[in-house]
Amino acid sequence: MSLLGNSCQLSKEDVKPVKTSEAEQLLLKLKTVPAYGFMFGHHDDPVYGIGWDGDEGRSDVKSVCGDYPALMSFDLGRMEI
């Protein structure tokens, strides 16, 4: 059992992260954000909101702030079934 448990462990030398030039550029841009303010995200932002559902181009965040959130997330929501 000890052999099996030890064989699955990786050391720091085994893992070598690779950053593409695109990833490096994104990291540099993200590091400049605090100089201008902040960013936030919203889940399912353009899909539904307070008192509405499915209106094209609508967003509760946009209604309040004047722009869409910097980041939006979505999930399959059982569409995969």
PDB file of N, CA and C in Angstrom:
ATOM      1  N   MET A   1       0.822  -1.185   0.000  1.00  0.00           N
ATOM      2  CA  MET A   1       0.000   0.000   0.000  1.00  0.00           C
ATOM      3  C   MET A   1       0.869   1.254   0.000  1.00  0.00           C
ATOM      4  N   SER A   2       1.973   1.223   0.721  1.00  0.00           N
ATOM      5  CA  SER A   2       2.869   2.364   0.782  1.00  0.00           C
ATOM      6  C   SER A   2       3.481   2.662  -0.577  1.00  0.00           C
ATOM      7  N   LEU A   3       3.813   1.641  -1.328  1.00  0.00           N
ATOM      8  CA  LEU A   3       4.388   1.812  -2.660  1.00  0.00           C
ATOM      9  C   LEU A   3       3.394   2.499  -3.586  1.00  0.00           C
ATOM     10  N   LEU A   4       2.154   2.082  -3.536  1.00  0.00           N
ATOM     11  CA  LEU A   4       1.113   2.666  -4.381  1.00  0.00           C
ATOM     12  C   LEU A   4       0.895   4.137  -4.032  1.00  0.00           C
ATOM     13  N   GLY A   5       0.841   4.457  -2.751  1.00  0.00           N
ATOM     14  CA  GLY A   5       0.620   5.845  -2.328  1.00  0.00           C
ATOM     15  C   GLY A   5       1.762   6.760  -2.719  1.00  0.00           C
ATOM     16  N   ASN A   6       2.989   6.298  -2.627  1.00  0.00           N
ATOM     17  CA  ASN A   6       4.145   7.125  -2.961  1.00  0.00           C
ATOM     18  C   ASN A   6       4.345   7.278  -4.462  1.00  0.00           C
ATOM     19  N   SER A   7       3.867   6.348  -5.254  1.00  0.00           N
ATOM     20  CA  SER A   7       4.085   6.423  -6.692  1.00  0.00           C
ATOM     21  C   SER A   7       3.235   7.499  -7.357  1.00  0.00           C
ATOM     22  N   CYS A   8       2.196   7.949  -6.699  1.00  0.00           N
ATOM     23  CA  CYS A   8       1.291   8.943  -7.286  1.00  0.00           C
ATOM     24  C   CYS A   8       1.658  10.375  -6.914  1.00  0.00           C
ATOM     25  N   GLN A   9       2.665  10.561  -6.098  1.00  0.00           N
ATOM     26  CA  GLN A   9       3.037  11.902  -5.673  1.00  0.00           C
ATOM     27  C   GLN A   9       4.042  12.510  -6.645  1.00  0.00           C
ATOM     28  N   LEU A  10       3.852  13.774  -6.960  1.00  0.00           N
ATOM     29  CA  LEU A  10       4.769  14.499  -7.838  1.00  0.00           C
ATOM     30  C   LEU A  10       5.606  15.462  -7.019  1.00  0.00           C
ATOM     31  N   SER A  11       6.841  15.605  -7.373  1.00  0.00           N
ATOM     32  CA  SER A  11       7.686  16.604  -6.723  1.00  0.00           C
ATOM     33  C   SER A  11       7.638  17.890  -7.538  1.00  0.00           C
ATOM     34  N   LYS A  12       8.157  18.972  -6.979  1.00  0.00           N
ATOM     35  CA  LYS A  12       8.174  20.249  -7.691  1.00  0.00           C
ATOM     36  C   LYS A  12       8.985  20.157  -8.979  1.00  0.00           C
ATOM     37  N   GLU A  13       9.982  19.296  -8.994  1.00  0.00           N
ATOM     38  CA  GLU A  13      10.805  19.142 -10.191  1.00  0.00           C
ATOM     39  C   GLU A  13      10.041  18.464 -11.325  1.00  0.00           C
ATOM     40  N   ASP A  14       9.009  17.669 -10.968  1.00  0.00           N
ATOM     41  CA  ASP A  14       8.231  16.957 -11.981  1.00  0.00           C
ATOM     42  C   ASP A  14       7.258  17.877 -12.717  1.00  0.00           C
ATOM     43  N   VAL A  15       6.853  18.965 -12.085  1.00  0.00           N
ATOM     44  CA  VAL A  15       5.856  19.865 -12.660  1.00  0.00           C
ATOM     45  C   VAL A  15       6.561  21.113 -13.169  1.00  0.00           C
ATOM     46  N   LYS A  16       6.472  21.346 -14.461  1.00  0.00           N
ATOM     47  CA  LYS A  16       7.113  22.517 -15.063  1.00  0.00           C
ATOM     48  C   LYS A  16       6.041  23.350 -15.772  1.00  0.00           C
ATOM     49  N   PRO A  17       5.563  24.412 -15.126  1.00  0.00           N
ATOM     50  CA  PRO A  17       4.525  25.232 -15.760  1.00  0.00           C
ATOM     51  C   PRO A  17       5.053  25.904 -17.031  1.00  0.00           C
ATOM     52  N   VAL A  18       4.181  25.969 -18.018  1.00  0.00           N
ATOM     53  CA  VAL A  18       4.528  26.598 -19.287  1.00  0.00           C
ATOM     54  C   VAL A  18       3.588  27.779 -19.495  1.00  0.00           C
ATOM     55  N   LYS A  19       4.151  28.943 -19.731  1.00  0.00           N
ATOM     56  CA  LYS A  19       3.341  30.130 -20.009  1.00  0.00           C
ATOM     57  C   LYS A  19       3.529  30.503 -21.472  1.00  0.00           C
ATOM     58  N   THR A  20       2.427  30.593 -22.177  1.00  0.00           N
ATOM     59  CA  THR A  20       2.495  31.043 -23.564  1.00  0.00           C
ATOM     60  C   THR A  20       2.687  32.547 -23.584  1.00  0.00           C
ATOM     61  N   SER A  21       3.039  33.095 -24.724  1.00  0.00           N
ATOM     62  CA  SER A  21       3.197  34.553 -24.823  1.00  0.00           C
ATOM     63  C   SER A  21       1.856  35.241 -24.588  1.00  0.00           C
ATOM     64  N   GLU A  22       0.759  34.597 -25.023  1.00  0.00           N
ATOM     65  CA  GLU A  22      -0.574  35.170 -24.787  1.00  0.00           C
ATOM     66  C   GLU A  22      -0.885  35.225 -23.293  1.00  0.00           C
ATOM     67  N   ALA A  23      -0.519  34.170 -22.558  1.00  0.00           N
ATOM     68  CA  ALA A  23      -0.748  34.153 -21.115  1.00  0.00           C
ATOM     69  C   ALA A  23       0.084  35.232 -20.429  1.00  0.00           C
ATOM     70  N   GLU A  24       1.314  35.397 -20.859  1.00  0.00           N
ATOM     71  CA  GLU A  24       2.176  36.444 -20.296  1.00  0.00           C
ATOM     72  C   GLU A  24       1.584  37.831 -20.535  1.00  0.00           C
ATOM     73  N   GLN A  25       1.070  38.075 -21.750  1.00  0.00           N
ATOM     74  CA  GLN A  25       0.463  39.376 -22.069  1.00  0.00           C
ATOM     75  C   GLN A  25      -0.773  39.616 -21.214  1.00  0.00           C
ATOM     76  N   LEU A  26      -1.593  38.579 -21.034  1.00  0.00           N
ATOM     77  CA  LEU A  26      -2.789  38.715 -20.207  1.00  0.00           C
ATOM     78  C   LEU A  26      -2.418  39.040 -18.769  1.00  0.00           C
ATOM     79  N   LEU A  27      -1.433  38.347 -18.223  1.00  0.00           N
ATOM     80  CA  LEU A  27      -0.993  38.625 -16.853  1.00  0.00           C
ATOM     81  C   LEU A  27      -0.497  40.057 -16.699  1.00  0.00           C
ATOM     82  N   LEU A  28       0.256  40.535 -17.666  1.00  0.00           N
ATOM     83  CA  LEU A  28       0.740  41.920 -17.607  1.00  0.00           C
ATOM     84  C   LEU A  28      -0.413  42.918 -17.619  1.00  0.00           C
ATOM     85  N   LYS A  29      -1.409  42.679 -18.477  1.00  0.00           N
ATOM     86  CA  LYS A  29      -2.571  43.582 -18.533  1.00  0.00           C
ATOM     87  C   LYS A  29      -3.364  43.547 -17.233  1.00  0.00           C
ATOM     88  N   LEU A  30      -3.551  42.341 -16.676  1.00  0.00           N
ATOM     89  CA  LEU A  30      -4.309  42.228 -15.433  1.00  0.00           C
ATOM     90  C   LEU A  30      -3.611  42.939 -14.278  1.00  0.00           C
ATOM     91  N   LYS A  31      -2.294  42.950 -14.295  1.00  0.00           N
ATOM     92  CA  LYS A  31      -1.551  43.623 -13.228  1.00  0.00           C
ATOM     93  C   LYS A  31      -1.684  45.143 -13.297  1.00  0.00           C
ATOM     94  N   THR A  32      -2.102  45.701 -14.438  1.00  0.00           N
ATOM     95  CA  THR A  32      -2.292  47.149 -14.545  1.00  0.00           C
ATOM     96  C   THR A  32      -3.680  47.593 -14.089  1.00  0.00           C
ATOM     97  N   VAL A  33      -4.613  46.657 -13.935  1.00  0.00           N
ATOM     98  CA  VAL A  33      -5.994  47.001 -13.586  1.00  0.00           C
ATOM     99  C   VAL A  33      -6.100  47.826 -12.306  1.00  0.00           C
ATOM    100  N   PRO A  34      -5.417  47.484 -11.216  1.00  0.00           N
ATOM    101  CA  PRO A  34      -5.587  48.269  -9.988  1.00  0.00           C
ATOM    102  C   PRO A  34      -5.278  49.761 -10.139  1.00  0.00           C
ATOM    103  N   ALA A  35      -4.470  50.127 -11.105  1.00  0.00           N
ATOM    104  CA  ALA A  35      -4.179  51.547 -11.314  1.00  0.00           C
ATOM    105  C   ALA A  35      -5.403  52.298 -11.844  1.00  0.00           C
ATOM    106  N   TYR A  36      -6.348  51.577 -12.444  1.00  0.00           N
ATOM    107  CA  TYR A  36      -7.535  52.204 -13.040  1.00  0.00           C
ATOM    108  C   TYR A  36      -8.806  51.957 -12.245  1.00  0.00           C
ATOM    109  N   GLY A  37      -8.796  51.018 -11.342  1.00  0.00           N
ATOM    110  CA  GLY A  37      -9.998  50.667 -10.594  1.00  0.00           C
ATOM    111  C   GLY A  37      -9.996  49.183 -10.293  1.00  0.00           C
ATOM    112  N   PHE A  38     -11.104  48.519 -10.566  1.00  0.00           N
ATOM    113  CA  PHE A  38     -11.195  47.086 -10.316  1.00  0.00           C
ATOM    114  C   PHE A  38     -12.104  46.446 -11.351  1.00  0.00           C
ATOM    115  N   MET A  39     -12.076  45.141 -11.423  1.00  0.00           N
ATOM    116  CA  MET A  39     -12.943  44.372 -12.325  1.00  0.00           C
ATOM    117  C   MET A  39     -13.769  43.409 -11.476  1.00  0.00           C
ATOM    118  N   PHE A  40     -14.974  43.088 -11.941  1.00  0.00           N
ATOM    119  CA  PHE A  40     -15.738  42.050 -11.277  1.00  0.00           C
ATOM    120  C   PHE A  40     -16.506  41.256 -12.314  1.00  0.00           C
ATOM    121  N   GLY A  41     -16.929  40.083 -11.930  1.00  0.00           N
ATOM    122  CA  GLY A  41     -17.658  39.205 -12.828  1.00  0.00           C
ATOM    123  C   GLY A  41     -19.059  38.926 -12.310  1.00  0.00           C
ATOM    124  N   HIS A  42     -19.875  38.341 -13.180  1.00  0.00           N
ATOM    125  CA  HIS A  42     -21.257  38.033 -12.835  1.00  0.00           C
ATOM    126  C   HIS A  42     -21.664  36.771 -13.571  1.00  0.00           C
ATOM    127  N   HIS A  43     -22.277  35.840 -12.873  1.00  0.00           N
ATOM    128  CA  HIS A  43     -22.685  34.572 -13.464  1.00  0.00           C
ATOM    129  C   HIS A  43     -23.990  34.746 -14.242  1.00  0.00           C
ATOM    130  N   ASP A  44     -24.051  34.224 -15.453  1.00  0.00           N
ATOM    131  CA  ASP A  44     -25.252  34.266 -16.318  1.00  0.00           C
ATOM    132  C   ASP A  44     -25.770  35.684 -16.532  1.00  0.00           C
ATOM    133  N   ASP A  45     -24.891  36.651 -16.604  1.00  0.00           N
ATOM    134  CA  ASP A  45     -25.285  38.063 -16.641  1.00  0.00           C
ATOM    135  C   ASP A  45     -26.291  38.411 -17.739  1.00  0.00           C
ATOM    136  N   PRO A  46     -26.073  38.068 -19.017  1.00  0.00           N
ATOM    137  CA  PRO A  46     -27.025  38.496 -20.041  1.00  0.00           C
ATOM    138  C   PRO A  46     -28.187  37.523 -20.256  1.00  0.00           C
ATOM    139  N   VAL A  47     -28.320  36.523 -19.394  1.00  0.00           N
ATOM    140  CA  VAL A  47     -29.339  35.493 -19.604  1.00  0.00           C
ATOM    141  C   VAL A  47     -30.633  35.816 -18.874  1.00  0.00           C
ATOM    142  N   TYR A  48     -30.547  36.245 -17.626  1.00  0.00           N
ATOM    143  CA  TYR A  48     -31.731  36.602 -16.850  1.00  0.00           C
ATOM    144  C   TYR A  48     -31.336  37.567 -15.744  1.00  0.00           C
ATOM    145  N   GLY A  49     -32.334  38.227 -15.184  1.00  0.00           N
ATOM    146  CA  GLY A  49     -32.063  39.178 -14.103  1.00  0.00           C
ATOM    147  C   GLY A  49     -33.308  39.447 -13.285  1.00  0.00           C
ATOM    148  N   ILE A  50     -33.322  40.553 -12.584  1.00  0.00           N
ATOM    149  CA  ILE A  50     -34.450  40.912 -11.727  1.00  0.00           C
ATOM    150  C   ILE A  50     -35.625  41.323 -12.616  1.00  0.00           C
ATOM    151  N   GLY A  51     -36.660  40.519 -12.632  1.00  0.00           N
ATOM    152  CA  GLY A  51     -37.876  40.837 -13.381  1.00  0.00           C
ATOM    153  C   GLY A  51     -37.789  40.625 -14.883  1.00  0.00           C
ATOM    154  N   TRP A  52     -36.772  39.974 -15.388  1.00  0.00           N
ATOM    155  CA  TRP A  52     -36.669  39.712 -16.822  1.00  0.00           C
ATOM    156  C   TRP A  52     -35.941  38.395 -17.058  1.00  0.00           C
ATOM    157  N   ASP A  53     -36.166  37.826 -18.240  1.00  0.00           N
ATOM    158  CA  ASP A  53     -35.541  36.555 -18.600  1.00  0.00           C
ATOM    159  C   ASP A  53     -35.430  36.480 -20.117  1.00  0.00           C
ATOM    160  N   GLY A  54     -34.224  36.380 -20.620  1.00  0.00           N
ATOM    161  CA  GLY A  54     -34.014  36.157 -22.044  1.00  0.00           C
ATOM    162  C   GLY A  54     -34.079  37.383 -22.941  1.00  0.00           C
ATOM    163  N   ASP A  55     -34.133  38.590 -22.396  1.00  0.00           N
ATOM    164  CA  ASP A  55     -34.141  39.796 -23.220  1.00  0.00           C
ATOM    165  C   ASP A  55     -32.756  39.980 -23.842  1.00  0.00           C
ATOM    166  N   GLU A  56     -32.687  40.036 -25.162  1.00  0.00           N
ATOM    167  CA  GLU A  56     -31.390  40.125 -25.839  1.00  0.00           C
ATOM    168  C   GLU A  56     -30.650  41.416 -25.488  1.00  0.00           C
ATOM    169  N   GLY A  57     -29.389  41.276 -25.120  1.00  0.00           N
ATOM    170  CA  GLY A  57     -28.541  42.428 -24.830  1.00  0.00           C
ATOM    171  C   GLY A  57     -28.765  43.059 -23.465  1.00  0.00           C
ATOM    172  N   ARG A  58     -29.670  42.499 -22.680  1.00  0.00           N
ATOM    173  CA  ARG A  58     -29.977  43.087 -21.380  1.00  0.00           C
ATOM    174  C   ARG A  58     -29.064  42.535 -20.296  1.00  0.00           C
ATOM    175  N   SER A  59     -28.838  43.328 -19.264  1.00  0.00           N
ATOM    176  CA  SER A  59     -27.981  42.933 -18.157  1.00  0.00           C
ATOM    177  C   SER A  59     -28.303  43.807 -16.964  1.00  0.00           C
ATOM    178  N   ASP A  60     -28.507  43.183 -15.809  1.00  0.00           N
ATOM    179  CA  ASP A  60     -28.727  43.978 -14.596  1.00  0.00           C
ATOM    180  C   ASP A  60     -27.504  44.828 -14.270  1.00  0.00           C
ATOM    181  N   VAL A  61     -26.325  44.273 -14.474  1.00  0.00           N
ATOM    182  CA  VAL A  61     -25.099  45.026 -14.208  1.00  0.00           C
ATOM    183  C   VAL A  61     -25.018  46.233 -15.137  1.00  0.00           C
ATOM    184  N   LYS A  62     -25.336  46.037 -16.418  1.00  0.00           N
ATOM    185  CA  LYS A  62     -25.297  47.151 -17.371  1.00  0.00           C
ATOM    186  C   LYS A  62     -26.325  48.217 -17.002  1.00  0.00           C
ATOM    187  N   SER A  63     -27.494  47.795 -16.541  1.00  0.00           N
ATOM    188  CA  SER A  63     -28.522  48.754 -16.133  1.00  0.00           C
ATOM    189  C   SER A  63     -28.055  49.631 -14.976  1.00  0.00           C
ATOM    190  N   VAL A  64     -27.305  49.049 -14.064  1.00  0.00           N
ATOM    191  CA  VAL A  64     -26.853  49.778 -12.877  1.00  0.00           C
ATOM    192  C   VAL A  64     -25.560  50.552 -13.131  1.00  0.00           C
ATOM    193  N   CYS A  65     -24.610  49.900 -13.828  1.00  0.00           N
ATOM    194  CA  CYS A  65     -23.265  50.473 -13.970  1.00  0.00           C
ATOM    195  C   CYS A  65     -23.000  51.117 -15.327  1.00  0.00           C
ATOM    196  N   GLY A  66     -23.851  50.827 -16.310  1.00  0.00           N
ATOM    197  CA  GLY A  66     -23.640  51.399 -17.629  1.00  0.00           C
ATOM    198  C   GLY A  66     -22.776  50.551 -18.552  1.00  0.00           C
ATOM    199  N   ASP A  67     -22.326  49.378 -18.074  1.00  0.00           N
ATOM    200  CA  ASP A  67     -21.506  48.502 -18.896  1.00  0.00           C
ATOM    201  C   ASP A  67     -21.657  47.069 -18.386  1.00  0.00           C
ATOM    202  N   TYR A  68     -21.297  46.129 -19.241  1.00  0.00           N
ATOM    203  CA  TYR A  68     -21.341  44.721 -18.851  1.00  0.00           C
ATOM    204  C   TYR A  68     -20.215  44.423 -17.864  1.00  0.00           C
ATOM    205  N   PRO A  69     -20.332  43.332 -17.094  1.00  0.00           N
ATOM    206  CA  PRO A  69     -19.229  42.969 -16.202  1.00  0.00           C
ATOM    207  C   PRO A  69     -17.982  42.600 -16.997  1.00  0.00           C
ATOM    208  N   ALA A  70     -16.827  42.713 -16.369  1.00  0.00           N
ATOM    209  CA  ALA A  70     -15.567  42.401 -17.037  1.00  0.00           C
ATOM    210  C   ALA A  70     -15.455  40.918 -17.346  1.00  0.00           C
ATOM    211  N   LEU A  71     -16.102  40.091 -16.569  1.00  0.00           N
ATOM    212  CA  LEU A  71     -16.029  38.646 -16.734  1.00  0.00           C
ATOM    213  C   LEU A  71     -17.415  38.062 -16.540  1.00  0.00           C
ATOM    214  N   MET A  72     -17.799  37.154 -17.429  1.00  0.00           N
ATOM    215  CA  MET A  72     -19.078  36.454 -17.286  1.00  0.00           C
ATOM    216  C   MET A  72     -18.801  34.959 -17.234  1.00  0.00           C
ATOM    217  N   SER A  73     -19.565  34.250 -16.423  1.00  0.00           N
ATOM    218  CA  SER A  73     -19.452  32.791 -16.381  1.00  0.00           C
ATOM    219  C   SER A  73     -20.804  32.179 -16.700  1.00  0.00           C
ATOM    220  N   PHE A  74     -20.750  30.997 -17.243  1.00  0.00           N
ATOM    221  CA  PHE A  74     -21.949  30.262 -17.613  1.00  0.00           C
ATOM    222  C   PHE A  74     -21.736  28.783 -17.293  1.00  0.00           C
ATOM    223  N   ASP A  75     -22.804  28.075 -17.044  1.00  0.00           N
ATOM    224  CA  ASP A  75     -22.709  26.632 -16.919  1.00  0.00           C
ATOM    225  C   ASP A  75     -23.747  25.996 -17.833  1.00  0.00           C
ATOM    226  N   LEU A  76     -23.676  24.700 -17.966  1.00  0.00           N
ATOM    227  CA  LEU A  76     -24.583  24.020 -18.887  1.00  0.00           C
ATOM    228  C   LEU A  76     -26.015  24.018 -18.388  1.00  0.00           C
ATOM    229  N   GLY A  77     -26.237  24.113 -17.101  1.00  0.00           N
ATOM    230  CA  GLY A  77     -27.578  24.209 -16.544  1.00  0.00           C
ATOM    231  C   GLY A  77     -28.504  23.099 -16.990  1.00  0.00           C
ATOM    232  N   ARG A  78     -28.002  21.879 -17.024  1.00  0.00           N
ATOM    233  CA  ARG A  78     -28.759  20.684 -17.405  1.00  0.00           C
ATOM    234  C   ARG A  78     -29.074  20.632 -18.892  1.00  0.00           C
ATOM    235  N   MET A  79     -28.488  21.512 -19.697  1.00  0.00           N
ATOM    236  CA  MET A  79     -28.682  21.467 -21.149  1.00  0.00           C
ATOM    237  C   MET A  79     -28.038  20.222 -21.741  1.00  0.00           C
ATOM    238  N   GLU A  80     -27.062  19.658 -21.017  1.00  0.00           N
ATOM    239  CA  GLU A  80     -26.348  18.499 -21.519  1.00  0.00           C
ATOM    240  C   GLU A  80     -27.209  17.235 -21.491  1.00  0.00           C
ATOM    241  N   ILE A  81     -28.355  17.275 -20.800  1.00  0.00           N
ATOM    242  CA  ILE A  81     -29.183  16.086 -20.680  1.00  0.00           C
ATOM    243  C   ILE A  81     -30.032  15.883 -21.921  1.00  0.00           C
TER     244      ILE A  81
END
